[in-house]
Amino acid sequence: MKLGISPLAVQDLESIGDWIAKDNPIRALSFIEELYQKCLLIADSPTLYAECPEILPGLRSCAYGRYLLFFRVLEAEVRIERILHGSRDIPAHFS
């Protein structure tokens, strides 16, 4: 399916990259690329990933390292909604 990335997920990616770049700018770029490649894999087979109805109906998630990628399967695309560190208060970011 087509991949879409929400404005909030774009902000999440930028924040993740900025945080990692403080210590290692080269790793920041490669990690953001890895996250993007994971998004493409999600778009290829979105129904393989667990649903998260306790957070939002229709929301699914995929772990990548210490991060969780949250997405929805829409009619024309798989939309990445948020990319959050697993230690964060996840439900608070969806309310």
PDB file of N, CA and C in Angstrom:
ATOM      1  N   MET A   1       0.832  -1.187   0.000  1.00  0.00           N
ATOM      2  CA  MET A   1       0.000   0.000   0.000  1.00  0.00           C
ATOM      3  C   MET A   1       0.874   1.246   0.000  1.00  0.00           C
ATOM      4  N   LYS A   2       0.256   2.342  -0.355  1.00  0.00           N
ATOM      5  CA  LYS A   2       0.936   3.635  -0.335  1.00  0.00           C
ATOM      6  C   LYS A   2       1.233   4.033   1.115  1.00  0.00           C
ATOM      7  N   LEU A   3       2.365   4.690   1.328  1.00  0.00           N
ATOM      8  CA  LEU A   3       2.765   5.153   2.651  1.00  0.00           C
ATOM      9  C   LEU A   3       2.466   6.632   2.794  1.00  0.00           C
ATOM     10  N   GLY A   4       1.831   6.990   3.902  1.00  0.00           N
ATOM     11  CA  GLY A   4       1.626   8.385   4.268  1.00  0.00           C
ATOM     12  C   GLY A   4       2.197   8.606   5.656  1.00  0.00           C
ATOM     13  N   ILE A   5       2.718   9.785   5.893  1.00  0.00           N
ATOM     14  CA  ILE A   5       3.283  10.119   7.206  1.00  0.00           C
ATOM     15  C   ILE A   5       2.625  11.401   7.685  1.00  0.00           C
ATOM     16  N   SER A   6       1.991  11.336   8.848  1.00  0.00           N
ATOM     17  CA  SER A   6       1.280  12.495   9.382  1.00  0.00           C
ATOM     18  C   SER A   6       2.259  13.601   9.767  1.00  0.00           C
ATOM     19  N   PRO A   7       1.783  14.837   9.830  1.00  0.00           N
ATOM     20  CA  PRO A   7       2.652  15.932  10.283  1.00  0.00           C
ATOM     21  C   PRO A   7       3.236  15.679  11.678  1.00  0.00           C
ATOM     22  N   LEU A   8       2.461  15.074  12.568  1.00  0.00           N
ATOM     23  CA  LEU A   8       2.988  14.773  13.907  1.00  0.00           C
ATOM     24  C   LEU A   8       4.115  13.745  13.842  1.00  0.00           C
ATOM     25  N   ALA A   9       3.980  12.754  12.985  1.00  0.00           N
ATOM     26  CA  ALA A   9       5.043  11.753  12.840  1.00  0.00           C
ATOM     27  C   ALA A   9       6.296  12.377  12.233  1.00  0.00           C
ATOM     28  N   VAL A  10       6.119  13.316  11.323  1.00  0.00           N
ATOM     29  CA  VAL A  10       7.275  14.033  10.766  1.00  0.00           C
ATOM     30  C   VAL A  10       7.984  14.797  11.880  1.00  0.00           C
ATOM     31  N   GLN A  11       7.209  15.457  12.741  1.00  0.00           N
ATOM     32  CA  GLN A  11       7.803  16.160  13.885  1.00  0.00           C
ATOM     33  C   GLN A  11       8.524  15.183  14.808  1.00  0.00           C
ATOM     34  N   ASP A  12       7.913  14.015  15.017  1.00  0.00           N
ATOM     35  CA  ASP A  12       8.560  12.996  15.850  1.00  0.00           C
ATOM     36  C   ASP A  12       9.909  12.602  15.260  1.00  0.00           C
ATOM     37  N   LEU A  13       9.951  12.355  13.958  1.00  0.00           N
ATOM     38  CA  LEU A  13      11.210  11.987  13.299  1.00  0.00           C
ATOM     39  C   LEU A  13      12.261  13.079  13.459  1.00  0.00           C
ATOM     40  N   GLU A  14      11.845  14.322  13.283  1.00  0.00           N
ATOM     41  CA  GLU A  14      12.781  15.437  13.432  1.00  0.00           C
ATOM     42  C   GLU A  14      13.313  15.515  14.857  1.00  0.00           C
ATOM     43  N   SER A  15      12.437  15.331  15.841  1.00  0.00           N
ATOM     44  CA  SER A  15      12.859  15.378  17.243  1.00  0.00           C
ATOM     45  C   SER A  15      13.817  14.238  17.576  1.00  0.00           C
ATOM     46  N   ILE A  16      13.518  13.057  17.068  1.00  0.00           N
ATOM     47  CA  ILE A  16      14.394  11.905  17.288  1.00  0.00           C
ATOM     48  C   ILE A  16      15.766  12.181  16.677  1.00  0.00           C
ATOM     49  N   GLY A  17      15.773  12.656  15.450  1.00  0.00           N
ATOM     50  CA  GLY A  17      17.034  12.971  14.784  1.00  0.00           C
ATOM     51  C   GLY A  17      17.824  14.037  15.522  1.00  0.00           C
ATOM     52  N   ASP A  18      17.134  15.087  15.979  1.00  0.00           N
ATOM     53  CA  ASP A  18      17.811  16.161  16.720  1.00  0.00           C
ATOM     54  C   ASP A  18      18.422  15.634  18.014  1.00  0.00           C
ATOM     55  N   TRP A  19      17.687  14.775  18.713  1.00  0.00           N
ATOM     56  CA  TRP A  19      18.168  14.224  19.983  1.00  0.00           C
ATOM     57  C   TRP A  19      19.424  13.380  19.762  1.00  0.00           C
ATOM     58  N   ILE A  20      19.386  12.493  18.793  1.00  0.00           N
ATOM     59  CA  ILE A  20      20.540  11.629  18.526  1.00  0.00           C
ATOM     60  C   ILE A  20      21.719  12.450  18.007  1.00  0.00           C
ATOM     61  N   ALA A  21      21.438  13.471  17.211  1.00  0.00           N
ATOM     62  CA  ALA A  21      22.497  14.292  16.604  1.00  0.00           C
ATOM     63  C   ALA A  21      23.318  15.053  17.636  1.00  0.00           C
ATOM     64  N   LYS A  22      22.770  15.269  18.823  1.00  0.00           N
ATOM     65  CA  LYS A  22      23.543  15.947  19.872  1.00  0.00           C
ATOM     66  C   LYS A  22      24.827  15.189  20.172  1.00  0.00           C
ATOM     67  N   ASP A  23      24.752  13.857  20.124  1.00  0.00           N
ATOM     68  CA  ASP A  23      25.917  13.024  20.409  1.00  0.00           C
ATOM     69  C   ASP A  23      26.586  12.468  19.160  1.00  0.00           C
ATOM     70  N   ASN A  24      25.769  12.211  18.120  1.00  0.00           N
ATOM     71  CA  ASN A  24      26.315  11.530  16.950  1.00  0.00           C
ATOM     72  C   ASN A  24      25.507  11.884  15.699  1.00  0.00           C
ATOM     73  N   PRO A  25      25.867  12.966  15.018  1.00  0.00           N
ATOM     74  CA  PRO A  25      25.104  13.399  13.839  1.00  0.00           C
ATOM     75  C   PRO A  25      25.022  12.351  12.731  1.00  0.00           C
ATOM     76  N   ILE A  26      26.070  11.598  12.532  1.00  0.00           N
ATOM     77  CA  ILE A  26      26.057  10.582  11.476  1.00  0.00           C
ATOM     78  C   ILE A  26      25.068   9.477  11.829  1.00  0.00           C
ATOM     79  N   ARG A  27      25.072   9.051  13.081  1.00  0.00           N
ATOM     80  CA  ARG A  27      24.122   8.017  13.509  1.00  0.00           C
ATOM     81  C   ARG A  27      22.690   8.533  13.440  1.00  0.00           C
ATOM     82  N   ALA A  28      22.493   9.801  13.721  1.00  0.00           N
ATOM     83  CA  ALA A  28      21.143  10.372  13.633  1.00  0.00           C
ATOM     84  C   ALA A  28      20.584  10.188  12.229  1.00  0.00           C
ATOM     85  N   LEU A  29      21.373  10.494  11.227  1.00  0.00           N
ATOM     86  CA  LEU A  29      20.915  10.348   9.842  1.00  0.00           C
ATOM     87  C   LEU A  29      20.625   8.890   9.503  1.00  0.00           C
ATOM     88  N   SER A  30      21.509   7.993   9.913  1.00  0.00           N
ATOM     89  CA  SER A  30      21.298   6.583   9.573  1.00  0.00           C
ATOM     90  C   SER A  30      20.101   6.007  10.326  1.00  0.00           C
ATOM     91  N   PHE A  31      19.887   6.439  11.563  1.00  0.00           N
ATOM     92  CA  PHE A  31      18.752   5.917  12.323  1.00  0.00           C
ATOM     93  C   PHE A  31      17.426   6.407  11.749  1.00  0.00           C
ATOM     94  N   ILE A  32      17.368   7.657  11.339  1.00  0.00           N
ATOM     95  CA  ILE A  32      16.148   8.180  10.716  1.00  0.00           C
ATOM     96  C   ILE A  32      15.864   7.413   9.424  1.00  0.00           C
ATOM     97  N   GLU A  33      16.896   7.098   8.669  1.00  0.00           N
ATOM     98  CA  GLU A  33      16.719   6.297   7.452  1.00  0.00           C
ATOM     99  C   GLU A  33      16.205   4.897   7.797  1.00  0.00           C
ATOM    100  N   GLU A  34      16.727   4.302   8.865  1.00  0.00           N
ATOM    101  CA  GLU A  34      16.242   2.989   9.300  1.00  0.00           C
ATOM    102  C   GLU A  34      14.760   3.050   9.676  1.00  0.00           C
ATOM    103  N   LEU A  35      14.369   4.095  10.400  1.00  0.00           N
ATOM    104  CA  LEU A  35      12.957   4.247  10.763  1.00  0.00           C
ATOM    105  C   LEU A  35      12.093   4.383   9.516  1.00  0.00           C
ATOM    106  N   TYR A  36      12.568   5.150   8.541  1.00  0.00           N
ATOM    107  CA  TYR A  36      11.801   5.317   7.302  1.00  0.00           C
ATOM    108  C   TYR A  36      11.672   3.979   6.560  1.00  0.00           C
ATOM    109  N   GLN A  37      12.745   3.213   6.517  1.00  0.00           N
ATOM    110  CA  GLN A  37      12.685   1.902   5.867  1.00  0.00           C
ATOM    111  C   GLN A  37      11.697   0.982   6.591  1.00  0.00           C
ATOM    112  N   LYS A  38      11.635   1.085   7.919  1.00  0.00           N
ATOM    113  CA  LYS A  38      10.661   0.300   8.678  1.00  0.00           C
ATOM    114  C   LYS A  38       9.247   0.733   8.312  1.00  0.00           C
ATOM    115  N   CYS A  39       9.033   2.024   8.111  1.00  0.00           N
ATOM    116  CA  CYS A  39       7.721   2.521   7.675  1.00  0.00           C
ATOM    117  C   CYS A  39       7.331   1.899   6.338  1.00  0.00           C
ATOM    118  N   LEU A  40       8.272   1.794   5.428  1.00  0.00           N
ATOM    119  CA  LEU A  40       7.994   1.175   4.130  1.00  0.00           C
ATOM    120  C   LEU A  40       7.623  -0.298   4.286  1.00  0.00           C
ATOM    121  N   LEU A  41       8.297  -1.001   5.198  1.00  0.00           N
ATOM    122  CA  LEU A  41       7.958  -2.406   5.453  1.00  0.00           C
ATOM    123  C   LEU A  41       6.556  -2.533   6.041  1.00  0.00           C
ATOM    124  N   ILE A  42       6.204  -1.626   6.929  1.00  0.00           N
ATOM    125  CA  ILE A  42       4.858  -1.624   7.506  1.00  0.00           C
ATOM    126  C   ILE A  42       3.828  -1.460   6.399  1.00  0.00           C
ATOM    127  N   ALA A  43       4.078  -0.539   5.484  1.00  0.00           N
ATOM    128  CA  ALA A  43       3.132  -0.278   4.394  1.00  0.00           C
ATOM    129  C   ALA A  43       2.948  -1.503   3.501  1.00  0.00           C
ATOM    130  N   ASP A  44       3.972  -2.339   3.390  1.00  0.00           N
ATOM    131  CA  ASP A  44       3.874  -3.551   2.568  1.00  0.00           C
ATOM    132  C   ASP A  44       2.950  -4.601   3.178  1.00  0.00           C
ATOM    133  N   SER A  45       2.946  -4.711   4.500  1.00  0.00           N
ATOM    134  CA  SER A  45       2.143  -5.748   5.177  1.00  0.00           C
ATOM    135  C   SER A  45       1.577  -5.214   6.492  1.00  0.00           C
ATOM    136  N   PRO A  46       0.717  -4.233   6.437  1.00  0.00           N
ATOM    137  CA  PRO A  46       0.276  -3.567   7.672  1.00  0.00           C
ATOM    138  C   PRO A  46      -0.530  -4.445   8.622  1.00  0.00           C
ATOM    139  N   THR A  47      -1.233  -5.435   8.099  1.00  0.00           N
ATOM    140  CA  THR A  47      -2.081  -6.244   8.976  1.00  0.00           C
ATOM    141  C   THR A  47      -1.296  -7.273   9.788  1.00  0.00           C
ATOM    142  N   LEU A  48      -0.001  -7.375   9.561  1.00  0.00           N
ATOM    143  CA  LEU A  48       0.827  -8.274  10.362  1.00  0.00           C
ATOM    144  C   LEU A  48       1.066  -7.738  11.766  1.00  0.00           C
ATOM    145  N   TYR A  49       0.809  -6.457  11.974  1.00  0.00           N
ATOM    146  CA  TYR A  49       1.157  -5.803  13.233  1.00  0.00           C
ATOM    147  C   TYR A  49      -0.048  -5.698  14.163  1.00  0.00           C
ATOM    148  N   ALA A  50       0.247  -5.684  15.446  1.00  0.00           N
ATOM    149  CA  ALA A  50      -0.793  -5.709  16.480  1.00  0.00           C
ATOM    150  C   ALA A  50      -1.641  -4.443  16.488  1.00  0.00           C
ATOM    151  N   GLU A  51      -2.928  -4.650  16.741  1.00  0.00           N
ATOM    152  CA  GLU A  51      -3.837  -3.522  16.920  1.00  0.00           C
ATOM    153  C   GLU A  51      -3.698  -2.990  18.344  1.00  0.00           C
ATOM    154  N   CYS A  52      -4.025  -1.717  18.513  1.00  0.00           N
ATOM    155  CA  CYS A  52      -3.944  -1.049  19.815  1.00  0.00           C
ATOM    156  C   CYS A  52      -5.268  -0.369  20.140  1.00  0.00           C
ATOM    157  N   PRO A  53      -6.356  -1.140  20.266  1.00  0.00           N
ATOM    158  CA  PRO A  53      -7.660  -0.515  20.500  1.00  0.00           C
ATOM    159  C   PRO A  53      -7.746   0.218  21.830  1.00  0.00           C
ATOM    160  N   GLU A  54      -6.861  -0.119  22.772  1.00  0.00           N
ATOM    161  CA  GLU A  54      -6.864   0.570  24.059  1.00  0.00           C
ATOM    162  C   GLU A  54      -6.380   2.015  23.933  1.00  0.00           C
ATOM    163  N   ILE A  55      -5.690   2.308  22.846  1.00  0.00           N
ATOM    164  CA  ILE A  55      -5.225   3.678  22.600  1.00  0.00           C
ATOM    165  C   ILE A  55      -6.197   4.394  21.675  1.00  0.00           C
ATOM    166  N   LEU A  56      -6.451   3.809  20.512  1.00  0.00           N
ATOM    167  CA  LEU A  56      -7.398   4.362  19.533  1.00  0.00           C
ATOM    168  C   LEU A  56      -7.924   3.227  18.663  1.00  0.00           C
ATOM    169  N   PRO A  57      -9.202   3.230  18.341  1.00  0.00           N
ATOM    170  CA  PRO A  57      -9.716   2.221  17.408  1.00  0.00           C
ATOM    171  C   PRO A  57      -9.001   2.326  16.055  1.00  0.00           C
ATOM    172  N   GLY A  58      -8.626   1.180  15.510  1.00  0.00           N
ATOM    173  CA  GLY A  58      -7.975   1.150  14.206  1.00  0.00           C
ATOM    174  C   GLY A  58      -6.483   1.416  14.230  1.00  0.00           C
ATOM    175  N   LEU A  59      -5.934   1.727  15.398  1.00  0.00           N
ATOM    176  CA  LEU A  59      -4.506   2.015  15.511  1.00  0.00           C
ATOM    177  C   LEU A  59      -3.731   0.710  15.650  1.00  0.00           C
ATOM    178  N   ARG A  60      -2.592   0.635  14.987  1.00  0.00           N
ATOM    179  CA  ARG A  60      -1.691  -0.516  15.081  1.00  0.00           C
ATOM    180  C   ARG A  60      -0.313  -0.004  15.467  1.00  0.00           C
ATOM    181  N   SER A  61       0.545  -0.917  15.921  1.00  0.00           N
ATOM    182  CA  SER A  61       1.896  -0.493  16.293  1.00  0.00           C
ATOM    183  C   SER A  61       2.931  -1.521  15.870  1.00  0.00           C
ATOM    184  N   CYS A  62       4.142  -1.025  15.755  1.00  0.00           N
ATOM    185  CA  CYS A  62       5.296  -1.841  15.404  1.00  0.00           C
ATOM    186  C   CYS A  62       6.487  -1.306  16.190  1.00  0.00           C
ATOM    187  N   ALA A  63       7.214  -2.190  16.832  1.00  0.00           N
ATOM    188  CA  ALA A  63       8.400  -1.779  17.583  1.00  0.00           C
ATOM    189  C   ALA A  63       9.610  -1.755  16.661  1.00  0.00           C
ATOM    190  N   TYR A  64      10.459  -0.757  16.882  1.00  0.00           N
ATOM    191  CA  TYR A  64      11.762  -0.712  16.218  1.00  0.00           C
ATOM    192  C   TYR A  64      12.752  -0.202  17.256  1.00  0.00           C
ATOM    193  N   GLY A  65      13.586  -1.091  17.753  1.00  0.00           N
ATOM    194  CA  GLY A  65      14.481  -0.716  18.838  1.00  0.00           C
ATOM    195  C   GLY A  65      13.653  -0.274  20.035  1.00  0.00           C
ATOM    196  N   ARG A  66      13.964   0.889  20.552  1.00  0.00           N
ATOM    197  CA  ARG A  66      13.230   1.421  21.703  1.00  0.00           C
ATOM    198  C   ARG A  66      12.041   2.282  21.298  1.00  0.00           C
ATOM    199  N   TYR A  67      11.767   2.340  20.020  1.00  0.00           N
ATOM    200  CA  TYR A  67      10.688   3.194  19.510  1.00  0.00           C
ATOM    201  C   TYR A  67       9.492   2.365  19.066  1.00  0.00           C
ATOM    202  N   LEU A  68       8.334   3.004  19.118  1.00  0.00           N
ATOM    203  CA  LEU A  68       7.097   2.398  18.634  1.00  0.00           C
ATOM    204  C   LEU A  68       6.558   3.252  17.506  1.00  0.00           C
ATOM    205  N   LEU A  69       6.256   2.611  16.405  1.00  0.00           N
ATOM    206  CA  LEU A  69       5.659   3.295  15.260  1.00  0.00           C
ATOM    207  C   LEU A  69       4.170   2.985  15.279  1.00  0.00           C
ATOM    208  N   PHE A  70       3.349   4.006  15.363  1.00  0.00           N
ATOM    209  CA  PHE A  70       1.902   3.847  15.401  1.00  0.00           C
ATOM    210  C   PHE A  70       1.329   4.254  14.055  1.00  0.00           C
ATOM    211  N   PHE A  71       0.396   3.437  13.550  1.00  0.00           N
ATOM    212  CA  PHE A  71      -0.139   3.698  12.217  1.00  0.00           C
ATOM    213  C   PHE A  71      -1.567   3.208  12.099  1.00  0.00           C
ATOM    214  N   ARG A  72      -2.229   3.689  11.052  1.00  0.00           N
ATOM    215  CA  ARG A  72      -3.580   3.236  10.718  1.00  0.00           C
ATOM    216  C   ARG A  72      -3.597   2.798   9.266  1.00  0.00           C
ATOM    217  N   VAL A  73      -4.412   1.800   8.996  1.00  0.00           N
ATOM    218  CA  VAL A  73      -4.611   1.331   7.628  1.00  0.00           C
ATOM    219  C   VAL A  73      -5.867   2.023   7.111  1.00  0.00           C
ATOM    220  N   LEU A  74      -5.681   2.911   6.156  1.00  0.00           N
ATOM    221  CA  LEU A  74      -6.787   3.644   5.561  1.00  0.00           C
ATOM    222  C   LEU A  74      -7.116   3.031   4.206  1.00  0.00           C
ATOM    223  N   GLU A  75      -8.114   3.559   3.552  1.00  0.00           N
ATOM    224  CA  GLU A  75      -8.538   3.000   2.270  1.00  0.00           C
ATOM    225  C   GLU A  75      -7.426   3.052   1.221  1.00  0.00           C
ATOM    226  N   ALA A  76      -6.756   4.186   1.125  1.00  0.00           N
ATOM    227  CA  ALA A  76      -5.777   4.376   0.056  1.00  0.00           C
ATOM    228  C   ALA A  76      -4.325   4.348   0.524  1.00  0.00           C
ATOM    229  N   GLU A  77      -4.101   4.286   1.841  1.00  0.00           N
ATOM    230  CA  GLU A  77      -2.721   4.346   2.326  1.00  0.00           C
ATOM    231  C   GLU A  77      -2.605   3.780   3.733  1.00  0.00           C
ATOM    232  N   VAL A  78      -1.371   3.513   4.100  1.00  0.00           N
ATOM    233  CA  VAL A  78      -1.015   3.238   5.485  1.00  0.00           C
ATOM    234  C   VAL A  78      -0.403   4.532   5.992  1.00  0.00           C
ATOM    235  N   ARG A  79      -1.024   5.105   7.028  1.00  0.00           N
ATOM    236  CA  ARG A  79      -0.544   6.393   7.533  1.00  0.00           C
ATOM    237  C   ARG A  79       0.148   6.209   8.879  1.00  0.00           C
ATOM    238  N   ILE A  80       1.420   6.575   8.910  1.00  0.00           N
ATOM    239  CA  ILE A  80       2.164   6.582  10.166  1.00  0.00           C
ATOM    240  C   ILE A  80       1.675   7.796  10.951  1.00  0.00           C
ATOM    241  N   GLU A  81       1.139   7.548  12.142  1.00  0.00           N
ATOM    242  CA  GLU A  81       0.560   8.627  12.944  1.00  0.00           C
ATOM    243  C   GLU A  81       1.559   9.228  13.923  1.00  0.00           C
ATOM    244  N   ARG A  82       2.329   8.371  14.594  1.00  0.00           N
ATOM    245  CA  ARG A  82       3.316   8.848  15.569  1.00  0.00           C
ATOM    246  C   ARG A  82       4.479   7.866  15.611  1.00  0.00           C
ATOM    247  N   ILE A  83       5.645   8.374  16.015  1.00  0.00           N
ATOM    248  CA  ILE A  83       6.819   7.550  16.276  1.00  0.00           C
ATOM    249  C   ILE A  83       7.335   8.010  17.629  1.00  0.00           C
ATOM    250  N   LEU A  84       7.170   7.160  18.646  1.00  0.00           N
ATOM    251  CA  LEU A  84       7.431   7.568  20.020  1.00  0.00           C
ATOM    252  C   LEU A  84       8.367   6.591  20.719  1.00  0.00           C
ATOM    253  N   HIS A  85       9.186   7.130  21.611  1.00  0.00           N
ATOM    254  CA  HIS A  85      10.038   6.281  22.438  1.00  0.00           C
ATOM    255  C   HIS A  85       9.140   5.471  23.364  1.00  0.00           C
ATOM    256  N   GLY A  86       9.474   4.211  23.560  1.00  0.00           N
ATOM    257  CA  GLY A  86       8.653   3.319  24.361  1.00  0.00           C
ATOM    258  C   GLY A  86       8.501   3.724  25.817  1.00  0.00           C
ATOM    259  N   SER A  87       9.389   4.564  26.333  1.00  0.00           N
ATOM    260  CA  SER A  87       9.309   4.973  27.734  1.00  0.00           C
ATOM    261  C   SER A  87       8.326   6.123  27.961  1.00  0.00           C
ATOM    262  N   ARG A  88       7.801   6.675  26.886  1.00  0.00           N
ATOM    263  CA  ARG A  88       6.893   7.821  27.019  1.00  0.00           C
ATOM    264  C   ARG A  88       5.487   7.366  27.397  1.00  0.00           C
ATOM    265  N   ASP A  89       4.683   8.309  27.846  1.00  0.00           N
ATOM    266  CA  ASP A  89       3.278   8.045  28.170  1.00  0.00           C
ATOM    267  C   ASP A  89       2.515   8.015  26.848  1.00  0.00           C
ATOM    268  N   ILE A  90       2.431   6.842  26.250  1.00  0.00           N
ATOM    269  CA  ILE A  90       1.878   6.697  24.902  1.00  0.00           C
ATOM    270  C   ILE A  90       0.434   7.197  24.801  1.00  0.00           C
ATOM    271  N   PRO A  91      -0.482   6.744  25.669  1.00  0.00           N
ATOM    272  CA  PRO A  91      -1.874   7.208  25.518  1.00  0.00           C
ATOM    273  C   PRO A  91      -2.020   8.729  25.565  1.00  0.00           C
ATOM    274  N   ALA A  92      -1.170   9.396  26.327  1.00  0.00           N
ATOM    275  CA  ALA A  92      -1.252  10.859  26.426  1.00  0.00           C
ATOM    276  C   ALA A  92      -0.980  11.533  25.086  1.00  0.00           C
ATOM    277  N   HIS A  93      -0.241  10.886  24.208  1.00  0.00           N
ATOM    278  CA  HIS A  93       0.085  11.470  22.902  1.00  0.00           C
ATOM    279  C   HIS A  93      -1.027  11.273  21.880  1.00  0.00           C
ATOM    280  N   PHE A  94      -2.078  10.556  22.267  1.00  0.00           N
ATOM    281  CA  PHE A  94      -3.198  10.325  21.357  1.00  0.00           C
ATOM    282  C   PHE A  94      -4.506  10.912  21.875  1.00  0.00           C
ATOM    283  N   SER A  95      -4.450  11.601  23.000  1.00  0.00           N
ATOM    284  CA  SER A  95      -5.696  12.161  23.548  1.00  0.00           C
ATOM    285  C   SER A  95      -5.875  13.622  23.180  1.00  0.00           C
TER     286      SER A  95
END
